[in-house]
Amino acid sequence: QLIQSNTQIENTKKEVDTLTKDVSEVKIVVEQK
């Protein structure tokens, strides 16, 4: 369970990073709009 939790945490961190990038891109697009 700990290994699975660590894996999920890593995946969640990657998703958070991706979402953060997407949010920054969306913010740029919103500013352009």
PDB file of all heavy atoms in Angstrom:
ATOM      1  N   GLN A   1       0.829  -1.211   0.000  1.00  0.00           N
ATOM      2  CA  GLN A   1       0.000   0.000   0.000  1.00  0.00           C
ATOM      3  C   GLN A   1       0.864   1.263   0.000  1.00  0.00           C
ATOM      4  O   GLN A   1       0.528   2.257  -0.660  1.00  0.00           O
ATOM      5  CB  GLN A   1      -0.924  -0.013   1.213  1.00  0.00           C
ATOM      6  CG  GLN A   1      -2.028  -1.053   1.142  1.00  0.00           C
ATOM      7  CD  GLN A   1      -2.914  -1.036   2.363  1.00  0.00           C
ATOM      8  OE1 GLN A   1      -2.683  -0.253   3.295  1.00  0.00           O
ATOM      9  NE2 GLN A   1      -3.919  -1.909   2.371  1.00  0.00           N
ATOM     10  N   LEU A   2       1.976   1.194   0.754  1.00  0.00           N
ATOM     11  CA  LEU A   2       2.872   2.339   0.789  1.00  0.00           C
ATOM     12  C   LEU A   2       3.480   2.595  -0.585  1.00  0.00           C
ATOM     13  O   LEU A   2       3.570   3.747  -1.044  1.00  0.00           O
ATOM     14  CB  LEU A   2       3.971   2.098   1.826  1.00  0.00           C
ATOM     15  CG  LEU A   2       4.988   3.228   2.016  1.00  0.00           C
ATOM     16  CD1 LEU A   2       4.293   4.506   2.497  1.00  0.00           C
ATOM     17  CD2 LEU A   2       6.072   2.801   2.995  1.00  0.00           C
ATOM     18  N   ILE A   3       3.878   1.505  -1.252  1.00  0.00           N
ATOM     19  CA  ILE A   3       4.435   1.657  -2.608  1.00  0.00           C
ATOM     20  C   ILE A   3       3.379   2.227  -3.548  1.00  0.00           C
ATOM     21  O   ILE A   3       3.654   3.139  -4.356  1.00  0.00           O
ATOM     22  CB  ILE A   3       4.955   0.297  -3.115  1.00  0.00           C
ATOM     23  CG1 ILE A   3       6.187  -0.133  -2.306  1.00  0.00           C
ATOM     24  CG2 ILE A   3       5.323   0.385  -4.593  1.00  0.00           C
ATOM     25  CD1 ILE A   3       6.613  -1.565  -2.554  1.00  0.00           C
ATOM     26  N   GLN A   4       2.162   1.677  -3.461  1.00  0.00           N
ATOM     27  CA  GLN A   4       1.082   2.200  -4.307  1.00  0.00           C
ATOM     28  C   GLN A   4       0.792   3.666  -3.996  1.00  0.00           C
ATOM     29  O   GLN A   4       0.570   4.482  -4.906  1.00  0.00           O
ATOM     30  CB  GLN A   4      -0.181   1.363  -4.110  1.00  0.00           C
ATOM     31  CG  GLN A   4      -0.078  -0.045  -4.679  1.00  0.00           C
ATOM     32  CD  GLN A   4      -1.320  -0.856  -4.416  1.00  0.00           C
ATOM     33  OE1 GLN A   4      -2.271  -0.369  -3.778  1.00  0.00           O
ATOM     34  NE2 GLN A   4      -1.328  -2.101  -4.887  1.00  0.00           N
ATOM     35  N   SER A   5       0.809   3.978  -2.691  1.00  0.00           N
ATOM     36  CA  SER A   5       0.564   5.369  -2.296  1.00  0.00           C
ATOM     37  C   SER A   5       1.659   6.284  -2.825  1.00  0.00           C
ATOM     38  O   SER A   5       1.382   7.388  -3.329  1.00  0.00           O
ATOM     39  CB  SER A   5       0.495   5.482  -0.770  1.00  0.00           C
ATOM     40  OG  SER A   5      -0.584   4.720  -0.260  1.00  0.00           O
ATOM     41  N   ASN A   6       2.910   5.815  -2.740  1.00  0.00           N
ATOM     42  CA  ASN A   6       4.018   6.621  -3.281  1.00  0.00           C
ATOM     43  C   ASN A   6       3.879   6.803  -4.786  1.00  0.00           C
ATOM     44  O   ASN A   6       4.125   7.891  -5.323  1.00  0.00           O
ATOM     45  CB  ASN A   6       5.351   5.957  -2.948  1.00  0.00           C
ATOM     46  CG  ASN A   6       5.694   6.048  -1.463  1.00  0.00           C
ATOM     47  OD1 ASN A   6       5.325   7.003  -0.792  1.00  0.00           O
ATOM     48  ND2 ASN A   6       6.400   5.053  -0.948  1.00  0.00           N
ATOM     49  N   THR A   7       3.468   5.704  -5.464  1.00  0.00           N
ATOM     50  CA  THR A   7       3.261   5.799  -6.915  1.00  0.00           C
ATOM     51  C   THR A   7       2.146   6.789  -7.233  1.00  0.00           C
ATOM     52  O   THR A   7       2.265   7.630  -8.148  1.00  0.00           O
ATOM     53  CB  THR A   7       2.925   4.423  -7.487  1.00  0.00           C
ATOM     54  OG1 THR A   7       3.948   3.488  -7.129  1.00  0.00           O
ATOM     55  CG2 THR A   7       2.814   4.481  -9.000  1.00  0.00           C
ATOM     56  N   GLN A   8       1.054   6.682  -6.476  1.00  0.00           N
ATOM     57  CA  GLN A   8      -0.049   7.626  -6.684  1.00  0.00           C
ATOM     58  C   GLN A   8       0.381   9.053  -6.396  1.00  0.00           C
ATOM     59  O   GLN A   8      -0.016   9.999  -7.100  1.00  0.00           O
ATOM     60  CB  GLN A   8      -1.230   7.233  -5.801  1.00  0.00           C
ATOM     61  CG  GLN A   8      -1.937   5.964  -6.238  1.00  0.00           C
ATOM     62  CD  GLN A   8      -3.091   5.591  -5.334  1.00  0.00           C
ATOM     63  OE1 GLN A   8      -3.318   6.233  -4.309  1.00  0.00           O
ATOM     64  NE2 GLN A   8      -3.807   4.542  -5.705  1.00  0.00           N
ATOM     65  N   ILE A   9       1.206   9.217  -5.366  1.00  0.00           N
ATOM     66  CA  ILE A   9       1.685  10.563  -5.032  1.00  0.00           C
ATOM     67  C   ILE A   9       2.535  11.116  -6.174  1.00  0.00           C
ATOM     68  O   ILE A   9       2.412  12.292  -6.558  1.00  0.00           O
ATOM     69  CB  ILE A   9       2.471  10.531  -3.708  1.00  0.00           C
ATOM     70  CG1 ILE A   9       1.511  10.318  -2.527  1.00  0.00           C
ATOM     71  CG2 ILE A   9       3.248  11.828  -3.516  1.00  0.00           C
ATOM     72  CD1 ILE A   9       2.192  10.016  -1.225  1.00  0.00           C
ATOM     73  N   GLU A  10       3.408  10.255  -6.728  1.00  0.00           N
ATOM     74  CA  GLU A  10       4.235  10.700  -7.849  1.00  0.00           C
ATOM     75  C   GLU A  10       3.366  11.067  -9.054  1.00  0.00           C
ATOM     76  O   GLU A  10       3.583  12.096  -9.709  1.00  0.00           O
ATOM     77  CB  GLU A  10       5.229   9.599  -8.227  1.00  0.00           C
ATOM     78  CG  GLU A  10       6.297   9.344  -7.167  1.00  0.00           C
ATOM     79  CD  GLU A  10       7.209  10.533  -6.963  1.00  0.00           C
ATOM     80  OE1 GLU A  10       7.452  11.269  -7.940  1.00  0.00           O
ATOM     81  OE2 GLU A  10       7.680  10.730  -5.827  1.00  0.00           O
ATOM     82  N   ASN A  11       2.383  10.193  -9.342  1.00  0.00           N
ATOM     83  CA  ASN A  11       1.477  10.494 -10.465  1.00  0.00           C
ATOM     84  C   ASN A  11       0.699  11.773 -10.213  1.00  0.00           C
ATOM     85  O   ASN A  11       0.491  12.589 -11.126  1.00  0.00           O
ATOM     86  CB  ASN A  11       0.514   9.331 -10.675  1.00  0.00           C
ATOM     87  CG  ASN A  11       1.218   8.070 -11.168  1.00  0.00           C
ATOM     88  OD1 ASN A  11       2.225   8.159 -11.871  1.00  0.00           O
ATOM     89  ND2 ASN A  11       0.699   6.912 -10.808  1.00  0.00           N
ATOM     90  N   THR A  12       0.268  11.947  -8.959  1.00  0.00           N
ATOM     91  CA  THR A  12      -0.477  13.160  -8.605  1.00  0.00           C
ATOM     92  C   THR A  12       0.407  14.392  -8.753  1.00  0.00           C
ATOM     93  O   THR A  12      -0.043  15.445  -9.248  1.00  0.00           O
ATOM     94  CB  THR A  12      -1.004  13.055  -7.164  1.00  0.00           C
ATOM     95  OG1 THR A  12      -1.796  11.881  -7.031  1.00  0.00           O
ATOM     96  CG2 THR A  12      -1.845  14.273  -6.814  1.00  0.00           C
ATOM     97  N   LYS A  13       1.682  14.260  -8.356  1.00  0.00           N
ATOM     98  CA  LYS A  13       2.604  15.384  -8.525  1.00  0.00           C
ATOM     99  C   LYS A  13       2.778  15.725 -10.001  1.00  0.00           C
ATOM    100  O   LYS A  13       2.779  16.904 -10.392  1.00  0.00           O
ATOM    101  CB  LYS A  13       3.964  15.038  -7.911  1.00  0.00           C
ATOM    102  CG  LYS A  13       3.984  15.106  -6.385  1.00  0.00           C
ATOM    103  CD  LYS A  13       5.373  14.798  -5.866  1.00  0.00           C
ATOM    104  CE  LYS A  13       5.418  14.869  -4.337  1.00  0.00           C
ATOM    105  NZ  LYS A  13       6.768  14.550  -3.796  1.00  0.00           N
ATOM    106  N   LYS A  14       2.924  14.663 -10.830  1.00  0.00           N
ATOM    107  CA  LYS A  14       3.052  14.912 -12.269  1.00  0.00           C
ATOM    108  C   LYS A  14       1.802  15.586 -12.824  1.00  0.00           C
ATOM    109  O   LYS A  14       1.883  16.531 -13.617  1.00  0.00           O
ATOM    110  CB  LYS A  14       3.301  13.592 -12.990  1.00  0.00           C
ATOM    111  CG  LYS A  14       4.677  13.003 -12.710  1.00  0.00           C
ATOM    112  CD  LYS A  14       4.853  11.688 -13.451  1.00  0.00           C
ATOM    113  CE  LYS A  14       6.222  11.077 -13.171  1.00  0.00           C
ATOM    114  NZ  LYS A  14       6.405   9.764 -13.855  1.00  0.00           N
ATOM    115  N   GLU A  15       0.624  15.091 -12.398  1.00  0.00           N
ATOM    116  CA  GLU A  15      -0.624  15.703 -12.858  1.00  0.00           C
ATOM    117  C   GLU A  15      -0.739  17.143 -12.391  1.00  0.00           C
ATOM    118  O   GLU A  15      -1.204  18.022 -13.139  1.00  0.00           O
ATOM    119  CB  GLU A  15      -1.815  14.886 -12.348  1.00  0.00           C
ATOM    120  CG  GLU A  15      -1.955  13.513 -13.016  1.00  0.00           C
ATOM    121  CD  GLU A  15      -3.102  12.717 -12.450  1.00  0.00           C
ATOM    122  OE1 GLU A  15      -3.755  13.217 -11.500  1.00  0.00           O
ATOM    123  OE2 GLU A  15      -3.357  11.605 -12.947  1.00  0.00           O
ATOM    124  N   VAL A  16      -0.305  17.373 -11.127  1.00  0.00           N
ATOM    125  CA  VAL A  16      -0.339  18.749 -10.598  1.00  0.00           C
ATOM    126  C   VAL A  16       0.582  19.652 -11.405  1.00  0.00           C
ATOM    127  O   VAL A  16       0.234  20.801 -11.740  1.00  0.00           O
ATOM    128  CB  VAL A  16       0.045  18.752  -9.105  1.00  0.00           C
ATOM    129  CG1 VAL A  16       0.300  20.175  -8.618  1.00  0.00           C
ATOM    130  CG2 VAL A  16      -1.065  18.128  -8.268  1.00  0.00           C
ATOM    131  N   ASP A  17       1.762  19.146 -11.736  1.00  0.00           N
ATOM    132  CA  ASP A  17       2.691  19.935 -12.563  1.00  0.00           C
ATOM    133  C   ASP A  17       2.076  20.233 -13.929  1.00  0.00           C
ATOM    134  O   ASP A  17       2.153  21.362 -14.442  1.00  0.00           O
ATOM    135  CB  ASP A  17       4.010  19.188 -12.721  1.00  0.00           C
ATOM    136  CG  ASP A  17       4.775  19.079 -11.409  1.00  0.00           C
ATOM    137  OD1 ASP A  17       4.546  19.934 -10.521  1.00  0.00           O
ATOM    138  OD2 ASP A  17       5.585  18.137 -11.267  1.00  0.00           O
ATOM    139  N   THR A  18       1.467  19.173 -14.534  1.00  0.00           N
ATOM    140  CA  THR A  18       0.831  19.359 -15.843  1.00  0.00           C
ATOM    141  C   THR A  18      -0.307  20.365 -15.753  1.00  0.00           C
ATOM    142  O   THR A  18      -0.446  21.258 -16.611  1.00  0.00           O
ATOM    143  CB  THR A  18       0.305  18.022 -16.371  1.00  0.00           C
ATOM    144  OG1 THR A  18       1.365  17.069 -16.404  1.00  0.00           O
ATOM    145  CG2 THR A  18      -0.270  18.174 -17.758  1.00  0.00           C
ATOM    146  N   LEU A  19      -1.132  20.218 -14.702  1.00  0.00           N
ATOM    147  CA  LEU A  19      -2.247  21.151 -14.527  1.00  0.00           C
ATOM    148  C   LEU A  19      -1.750  22.573 -14.271  1.00  0.00           C
ATOM    149  O   LEU A  19      -2.351  23.543 -14.744  1.00  0.00           O
ATOM    150  CB  LEU A  19      -3.138  20.685 -13.369  1.00  0.00           C
ATOM    151  CG  LEU A  19      -3.956  19.419 -13.620  1.00  0.00           C
ATOM    152  CD1 LEU A  19      -4.654  18.980 -12.340  1.00  0.00           C
ATOM    153  CD2 LEU A  19      -4.983  19.641 -14.716  1.00  0.00           C
ATOM    154  N   THR A  20      -0.638  22.676 -13.543  1.00  0.00           N
ATOM    155  CA  THR A  20      -0.073  24.007 -13.288  1.00  0.00           C
ATOM    156  C   THR A  20       0.373  24.653 -14.598  1.00  0.00           C
ATOM    157  O   THR A  20       0.124  25.843 -14.856  1.00  0.00           O
ATOM    158  CB  THR A  20       1.124  23.891 -12.337  1.00  0.00           C
ATOM    159  OG1 THR A  20       0.700  23.253 -11.131  1.00  0.00           O
ATOM    160  CG2 THR A  20       1.674  25.271 -12.012  1.00  0.00           C
ATOM    161  N   LYS A  21       1.029  23.835 -15.470  1.00  0.00           N
ATOM    162  CA  LYS A  21       1.423  24.355 -16.774  1.00  0.00           C
ATOM    163  C   LYS A  21       0.203  24.748 -17.594  1.00  0.00           C
ATOM    164  O   LYS A  21       0.180  25.801 -18.244  1.00  0.00           O
ATOM    165  CB  LYS A  21       2.251  23.309 -17.519  1.00  0.00           C
ATOM    166  CG  LYS A  21       3.627  23.072 -16.902  1.00  0.00           C
ATOM    167  CD  LYS A  21       4.383  22.014 -17.692  1.00  0.00           C
ATOM    168  CE  LYS A  21       5.748  21.742 -17.076  1.00  0.00           C
ATOM    169  NZ  LYS A  21       6.485  20.682 -17.817  1.00  0.00           N
ATOM    170  N   ASP A  22      -0.813  23.858 -17.565  1.00  0.00           N
ATOM    171  CA  ASP A  22      -2.042  24.163 -18.319  1.00  0.00           C
ATOM    172  C   ASP A  22      -2.693  25.440 -17.804  1.00  0.00           C
ATOM    173  O   ASP A  22      -3.182  26.266 -18.592  1.00  0.00           O
ATOM    174  CB  ASP A  22      -3.017  22.991 -18.223  1.00  0.00           C
ATOM    175  CG  ASP A  22      -2.509  21.757 -18.951  1.00  0.00           C
ATOM    176  OD1 ASP A  22      -1.640  21.911 -19.831  1.00  0.00           O
ATOM    177  OD2 ASP A  22      -2.979  20.645 -18.630  1.00  0.00           O
ATOM    178  N   VAL A  23      -2.707  25.585 -16.480  1.00  0.00           N
ATOM    179  CA  VAL A  23      -3.316  26.790 -15.887  1.00  0.00           C
ATOM    180  C   VAL A  23      -2.553  28.042 -16.307  1.00  0.00           C
ATOM    181  O   VAL A  23      -3.153  29.084 -16.636  1.00  0.00           O
ATOM    182  CB  VAL A  23      -3.372  26.659 -14.347  1.00  0.00           C
ATOM    183  CG1 VAL A  23      -3.701  27.994 -13.705  1.00  0.00           C
ATOM    184  CG2 VAL A  23      -4.412  25.627 -13.941  1.00  0.00           C
ATOM    185  N   SER A  24      -1.214  27.931 -16.316  1.00  0.00           N
ATOM    186  CA  SER A  24      -0.424  29.092 -16.738  1.00  0.00           C
ATOM    187  C   SER A  24      -0.687  29.421 -18.210  1.00  0.00           C
ATOM    188  O   SER A  24      -0.827  30.593 -18.586  1.00  0.00           O
ATOM    189  CB  SER A  24       1.060  28.808 -16.518  1.00  0.00           C
ATOM    190  OG  SER A  24       1.477  27.709 -17.315  1.00  0.00           O
ATOM    191  N   GLU A  25      -0.792  28.359 -19.049  1.00  0.00           N
ATOM    192  CA  GLU A  25      -1.103  28.597 -20.460  1.00  0.00           C
ATOM    193  C   GLU A  25      -2.493  29.196 -20.625  1.00  0.00           C
ATOM    194  O   GLU A  25      -2.699  30.109 -21.440  1.00  0.00           O
ATOM    195  CB  GLU A  25      -0.994  27.287 -21.238  1.00  0.00           C
ATOM    196  CG  GLU A  25       0.441  26.763 -21.356  1.00  0.00           C
ATOM    197  CD  GLU A  25       0.500  25.421 -22.066  1.00  0.00           C
ATOM    198  OE1 GLU A  25      -0.589  24.899 -22.408  1.00  0.00           O
ATOM    199  OE2 GLU A  25       1.609  24.907 -22.285  1.00  0.00           O
ATOM    200  N   VAL A  26      -3.442  28.665 -19.841  1.00  0.00           N
ATOM    201  CA  VAL A  26      -4.811  29.202 -19.910  1.00  0.00           C
ATOM    202  C   VAL A  26      -4.834  30.659 -19.455  1.00  0.00           C
ATOM    203  O   VAL A  26      -5.541  31.494 -20.036  1.00  0.00           O
ATOM    204  CB  VAL A  26      -5.762  28.338 -19.059  1.00  0.00           C
ATOM    205  CG1 VAL A  26      -7.105  29.032 -18.896  1.00  0.00           C
ATOM    206  CG2 VAL A  26      -5.955  26.969 -19.703  1.00  0.00           C
ATOM    207  N   LYS A  27      -4.043  30.974 -18.437  1.00  0.00           N
ATOM    208  CA  LYS A  27      -3.969  32.362 -17.990  1.00  0.00           C
ATOM    209  C   LYS A  27      -3.428  33.257 -19.099  1.00  0.00           C
ATOM    210  O   LYS A  27      -3.933  34.362 -19.327  1.00  0.00           O
ATOM    211  CB  LYS A  27      -3.075  32.468 -16.756  1.00  0.00           C
ATOM    212  CG  LYS A  27      -3.726  31.978 -15.478  1.00  0.00           C
ATOM    213  CD  LYS A  27      -2.807  32.174 -14.301  1.00  0.00           C
ATOM    214  CE  LYS A  27      -3.464  31.708 -12.995  1.00  0.00           C
ATOM    215  NZ  LYS A  27      -2.563  31.873 -11.833  1.00  0.00           N
ATOM    216  N   ILE A  28      -2.393  32.767 -19.798  1.00  0.00           N
ATOM    217  CA  ILE A  28      -1.842  33.551 -20.912  1.00  0.00           C
ATOM    218  C   ILE A  28      -2.893  33.756 -21.995  1.00  0.00           C
ATOM    219  O   ILE A  28      -3.076  34.854 -22.529  1.00  0.00           O
ATOM    220  CB  ILE A  28      -0.596  32.851 -21.480  1.00  0.00           C
ATOM    221  CG1 ILE A  28       0.531  32.860 -20.439  1.00  0.00           C
ATOM    222  CG2 ILE A  28      -0.130  33.536 -22.748  1.00  0.00           C
ATOM    223  CD1 ILE A  28       1.715  31.988 -20.806  1.00  0.00           C
ATOM    224  N   VAL A  29      -3.619  32.638 -22.309  1.00  0.00           N
ATOM    225  CA  VAL A  29      -4.670  32.737 -23.334  1.00  0.00           C
ATOM    226  C   VAL A  29      -5.763  33.704 -22.885  1.00  0.00           C
ATOM    227  O   VAL A  29      -6.285  34.510 -23.677  1.00  0.00           O
ATOM    228  CB  VAL A  29      -5.268  31.344 -23.624  1.00  0.00           C
ATOM    229  CG1 VAL A  29      -6.473  31.456 -24.528  1.00  0.00           C
ATOM    230  CG2 VAL A  29      -4.215  30.439 -24.268  1.00  0.00           C
ATOM    231  N   VAL A  30      -6.126  33.641 -21.592  1.00  0.00           N
ATOM    232  CA  VAL A  30      -7.164  34.539 -21.064  1.00  0.00           C
ATOM    233  C   VAL A  30      -6.711  35.990 -21.167  1.00  0.00           C
ATOM    234  O   VAL A  30      -7.489  36.882 -21.548  1.00  0.00           O
ATOM    235  CB  VAL A  30      -7.497  34.161 -19.609  1.00  0.00           C
ATOM    236  CG1 VAL A  30      -8.332  35.248 -18.949  1.00  0.00           C
ATOM    237  CG2 VAL A  30      -8.260  32.838 -19.566  1.00  0.00           C
ATOM    238  N   GLU A  31      -5.452  36.237 -20.838  1.00  0.00           N
ATOM    239  CA  GLU A  31      -4.930  37.602 -20.964  1.00  0.00           C
ATOM    240  C   GLU A  31      -4.963  38.073 -22.413  1.00  0.00           C
ATOM    241  O   GLU A  31      -5.339  39.219 -22.701  1.00  0.00           O
ATOM    242  CB  GLU A  31      -3.496  37.659 -20.422  1.00  0.00           C
ATOM    243  CG  GLU A  31      -3.383  37.437 -18.927  1.00  0.00           C
ATOM    244  CD  GLU A  31      -4.070  38.512 -18.117  1.00  0.00           C
ATOM    245  OE1 GLU A  31      -4.121  39.667 -18.588  1.00  0.00           O
ATOM    246  OE2 GLU A  31      -4.576  38.208 -17.020  1.00  0.00           O
ATOM    247  N   GLN A  32      -4.588  37.152 -23.330  1.00  0.00           N
ATOM    248  CA  GLN A  32      -4.655  37.512 -24.749  1.00  0.00           C
ATOM    249  C   GLN A  32      -6.092  37.798 -25.177  1.00  0.00           C
ATOM    250  O   GLN A  32      -6.356  38.743 -25.918  1.00  0.00           O
ATOM    251  CB  GLN A  32      -4.069  36.385 -25.601  1.00  0.00           C
ATOM    252  CG  GLN A  32      -2.561  36.245 -25.463  1.00  0.00           C
ATOM    253  CD  GLN A  32      -2.008  35.095 -26.291  1.00  0.00           C
ATOM    254  OE1 GLN A  32      -2.772  34.305 -26.853  1.00  0.00           O
ATOM    255  NE2 GLN A  32      -0.698  34.986 -26.358  1.00  0.00           N
ATOM    256  N   LYS A  33      -7.021  36.941 -24.694  1.00  0.00           N
ATOM    257  CA  LYS A  33      -8.429  37.159 -25.036  1.00  0.00           C
ATOM    258  C   LYS A  33      -8.924  38.488 -24.471  1.00  0.00           C
ATOM    259  O   LYS A  33      -9.689  39.208 -25.129  1.00  0.00           O
ATOM    260  CB  LYS A  33      -9.293  36.006 -24.512  1.00  0.00           C
ATOM    261  CG  LYS A  33      -9.004  34.658 -25.161  1.00  0.00           C
ATOM    262  CD  LYS A  33      -9.342  34.669 -26.622  1.00  0.00           C
ATOM    263  CE  LYS A  33      -9.100  33.312 -27.261  1.00  0.00           C
ATOM    264  NZ  LYS A  33      -9.353  33.323 -28.721  1.00  0.00           N
TER     265      LYS A  33
END
